[in-house]
Amino acid sequence: MPKIKTHQATAKRIKVTGTGKILRSKGFQNHKKAAKSKRSLRKMDDMLPTSAGVARRIRKLVPGLKVRKG
């Protein structure tokens, strides 16, 4: 059985918290910035927790994520 490869593009876009939650960044940050309000650009800087379904899909793409049980 071959090794499972990590999807590197996904691995670079996410962070895992100490409790095991997966955080993602918001999109639409790099194109036509002058048309966006400064407030909306600031809000895009924050990392958001993913929903349960998306987190399940990410864990399949990035099998080496630390999962904290308990």
N, C-alpha and C. Protein backbone atom coordinates (compact mmCIF):
# COMPACT_ATOMS: atom_id res chain seq x y z
N MET A 1 0.84 -1.19 0.00
CA MET A 1 0.00 0.00 0.00
C MET A 1 0.89 1.25 0.00
N PRO A 2 0.69 2.17 -0.94
CA PRO A 2 1.52 3.37 -0.98
C PRO A 2 1.16 4.34 0.15
N LYS A 3 2.09 5.25 0.42
CA LYS A 3 1.86 6.25 1.46
C LYS A 3 0.78 7.23 0.99
N ILE A 4 0.08 7.82 1.94
CA ILE A 4 -0.92 8.84 1.61
C ILE A 4 -0.19 10.17 1.50
N LYS A 5 -0.40 10.86 0.38
CA LYS A 5 0.27 12.14 0.18
C LYS A 5 -0.59 13.28 0.73
N THR A 6 0.09 14.27 1.30
CA THR A 6 -0.57 15.46 1.82
C THR A 6 -0.84 16.42 0.67
N HIS A 7 -2.03 17.01 0.64
CA HIS A 7 -2.37 18.03 -0.35
C HIS A 7 -1.76 19.35 0.13
N GLN A 8 -0.62 19.72 -0.47
CA GLN A 8 0.18 20.83 0.05
C GLN A 8 -0.53 22.18 -0.06
N ALA A 9 -1.33 22.39 -1.10
CA ALA A 9 -2.04 23.66 -1.24
C ALA A 9 -3.01 23.86 -0.08
N THR A 10 -3.67 22.78 0.33
CA THR A 10 -4.58 22.87 1.48
C THR A 10 -3.80 23.07 2.77
N ALA A 11 -2.71 22.35 2.92
CA ALA A 11 -1.92 22.43 4.15
C ALA A 11 -1.38 23.84 4.39
N LYS A 12 -1.07 24.57 3.33
CA LYS A 12 -0.53 25.92 3.47
C LYS A 12 -1.61 26.94 3.82
N ARG A 13 -2.88 26.62 3.56
CA ARG A 13 -3.96 27.58 3.75
C ARG A 13 -4.68 27.45 5.08
N ILE A 14 -4.34 26.47 5.88
CA ILE A 14 -5.06 26.25 7.12
C ILE A 14 -4.11 26.26 8.31
N LYS A 15 -4.69 26.46 9.50
CA LYS A 15 -3.95 26.34 10.75
C LYS A 15 -4.80 25.52 11.70
N VAL A 16 -4.14 24.82 12.61
CA VAL A 16 -4.85 24.02 13.59
C VAL A 16 -4.61 24.62 14.97
N THR A 17 -5.68 24.80 15.74
CA THR A 17 -5.55 25.35 17.08
C THR A 17 -5.07 24.28 18.04
N GLY A 18 -4.80 24.66 19.27
CA GLY A 18 -4.36 23.70 20.26
C GLY A 18 -5.42 22.67 20.60
N THR A 19 -6.69 23.05 20.46
CA THR A 19 -7.77 22.11 20.76
C THR A 19 -8.15 21.26 19.56
N GLY A 20 -7.50 21.50 18.40
CA GLY A 20 -7.75 20.66 17.23
C GLY A 20 -8.70 21.25 16.21
N LYS A 21 -9.19 22.48 16.45
CA LYS A 21 -10.07 23.12 15.47
C LYS A 21 -9.25 23.56 14.27
N ILE A 22 -9.85 23.52 13.09
CA ILE A 22 -9.18 23.94 11.86
C ILE A 22 -9.63 25.35 11.52
N LEU A 23 -8.67 26.25 11.33
CA LEU A 23 -8.96 27.63 10.97
C LEU A 23 -8.62 27.86 9.51
N ARG A 24 -9.44 28.68 8.85
CA ARG A 24 -9.20 29.03 7.46
C ARG A 24 -9.24 30.54 7.33
N SER A 25 -8.61 31.07 6.28
CA SER A 25 -8.67 32.51 6.04
C SER A 25 -9.77 32.80 5.03
N LYS A 26 -10.16 34.06 4.98
CA LYS A 26 -11.21 34.45 4.05
C LYS A 26 -10.62 34.69 2.66
N GLY A 27 -11.45 34.60 1.66
CA GLY A 27 -11.02 34.82 0.29
C GLY A 27 -11.23 36.26 -0.16
N PHE A 28 -11.04 36.52 -1.44
CA PHE A 28 -11.29 37.82 -2.08
C PHE A 28 -10.41 38.92 -1.50
N GLN A 29 -9.18 38.60 -1.11
CA GLN A 29 -8.34 39.61 -0.45
C GLN A 29 -7.38 40.33 -1.39
N ASN A 30 -7.05 39.76 -2.52
CA ASN A 30 -5.92 40.30 -3.28
C ASN A 30 -6.29 40.99 -4.59
N HIS A 31 -7.56 41.01 -4.95
CA HIS A 31 -7.92 41.58 -6.24
C HIS A 31 -8.90 42.73 -6.04
N LYS A 32 -8.62 43.86 -6.70
CA LYS A 32 -9.47 45.05 -6.62
C LYS A 32 -9.63 45.54 -5.18
N LYS A 33 -8.52 45.72 -4.51
CA LYS A 33 -8.55 46.15 -3.10
C LYS A 33 -9.05 47.58 -2.96
N ALA A 34 -8.81 48.44 -3.96
CA ALA A 34 -9.21 49.84 -3.86
C ALA A 34 -10.73 49.98 -3.83
N ALA A 35 -11.43 49.02 -4.42
CA ALA A 35 -12.89 49.08 -4.46
C ALA A 35 -13.52 48.61 -3.16
N LYS A 36 -12.76 47.95 -2.32
CA LYS A 36 -13.30 47.40 -1.07
C LYS A 36 -13.06 48.39 0.06
N SER A 37 -13.97 48.41 1.01
CA SER A 37 -13.82 49.32 2.14
C SER A 37 -12.69 48.82 3.05
N LYS A 38 -12.11 49.76 3.77
CA LYS A 38 -11.01 49.39 4.67
C LYS A 38 -11.52 48.46 5.77
N ARG A 39 -12.75 48.65 6.18
CA ARG A 39 -13.34 47.80 7.21
C ARG A 39 -13.46 46.36 6.73
N SER A 40 -13.91 46.17 5.49
CA SER A 40 -14.05 44.81 4.98
C SER A 40 -12.69 44.15 4.78
N LEU A 41 -11.69 44.94 4.39
CA LEU A 41 -10.34 44.39 4.22
C LEU A 41 -9.77 43.96 5.58
N ARG A 42 -10.03 44.73 6.63
CA ARG A 42 -9.57 44.36 7.97
C ARG A 42 -10.25 43.09 8.45
N LYS A 43 -11.53 42.96 8.15
CA LYS A 43 -12.27 41.77 8.58
C LYS A 43 -11.79 40.51 7.87
N MET A 44 -11.22 40.66 6.68
CA MET A 44 -10.71 39.52 5.93
C MET A 44 -9.41 38.98 6.52
N ASP A 45 -8.75 39.76 7.39
CA ASP A 45 -7.48 39.32 7.97
C ASP A 45 -7.66 38.19 8.98
N ASP A 46 -8.84 38.10 9.57
CA ASP A 46 -9.07 37.11 10.63
C ASP A 46 -9.19 35.70 10.08
N MET A 47 -8.75 34.73 10.87
CA MET A 47 -8.93 33.32 10.53
C MET A 47 -10.23 32.86 11.18
N LEU A 48 -11.01 32.08 10.44
CA LEU A 48 -12.30 31.61 10.92
C LEU A 48 -12.28 30.10 11.12
N PRO A 49 -13.03 29.59 12.09
CA PRO A 49 -13.13 28.13 12.21
C PRO A 49 -13.97 27.56 11.07
N THR A 50 -13.63 26.38 10.62
CA THR A 50 -14.38 25.74 9.54
C THR A 50 -15.57 24.98 10.12
N SER A 51 -16.55 24.72 9.26
CA SER A 51 -17.69 23.92 9.68
C SER A 51 -17.26 22.45 9.78
N ALA A 52 -18.09 21.63 10.37
CA ALA A 52 -17.74 20.23 10.61
C ALA A 52 -17.52 19.47 9.29
N GLY A 53 -18.36 19.73 8.30
CA GLY A 53 -18.24 19.03 7.02
C GLY A 53 -16.97 19.39 6.28
N VAL A 54 -16.64 20.67 6.30
CA VAL A 54 -15.42 21.12 5.62
C VAL A 54 -14.19 20.59 6.37
N ALA A 55 -14.26 20.58 7.69
CA ALA A 55 -13.14 20.06 8.48
C ALA A 55 -12.88 18.59 8.17
N ARG A 56 -13.95 17.83 7.98
CA ARG A 56 -13.81 16.41 7.64
C ARG A 56 -13.09 16.26 6.29
N ARG A 57 -13.47 17.08 5.33
CA ARG A 57 -12.85 17.03 4.01
C ARG A 57 -11.38 17.43 4.07
N ILE A 58 -11.06 18.44 4.89
CA ILE A 58 -9.67 18.90 5.02
C ILE A 58 -8.82 17.82 5.67
N ARG A 59 -9.37 17.12 6.65
CA ARG A 59 -8.60 16.06 7.32
C ARG A 59 -8.26 14.92 6.37
N LYS A 60 -9.09 14.70 5.34
CA LYS A 60 -8.76 13.69 4.33
C LYS A 60 -7.62 14.17 3.43
N LEU A 61 -7.64 15.48 3.10
CA LEU A 61 -6.60 16.04 2.23
C LEU A 61 -5.26 16.17 2.95
N VAL A 62 -5.31 16.45 4.25
CA VAL A 62 -4.10 16.65 5.03
C VAL A 62 -4.11 15.65 6.18
N PRO A 63 -3.68 14.42 5.92
CA PRO A 63 -3.80 13.37 6.93
C PRO A 63 -2.90 13.55 8.14
N GLY A 64 -1.88 14.39 8.06
CA GLY A 64 -0.94 14.53 9.17
C GLY A 64 -1.36 15.53 10.23
N LEU A 65 -2.59 16.05 10.17
CA LEU A 65 -3.03 17.03 11.16
C LEU A 65 -3.12 16.42 12.54
N LYS A 66 -2.78 17.23 13.53
CA LYS A 66 -2.87 16.75 14.91
C LYS A 66 -4.33 16.77 15.33
N VAL A 67 -4.82 15.66 15.81
CA VAL A 67 -6.19 15.58 16.31
C VAL A 67 -6.14 15.33 17.80
N ARG A 68 -6.73 16.22 18.55
CA ARG A 68 -6.73 16.08 20.01
C ARG A 68 -8.03 15.44 20.44
N LYS A 69 -7.93 14.34 21.09
CA LYS A 69 -9.12 13.61 21.55
C LYS A 69 -9.31 13.87 23.04
N GLY A 70 -10.58 14.00 23.46
CA GLY A 70 -10.84 14.12 24.87
C GLY A 70 -11.30 15.41 25.29
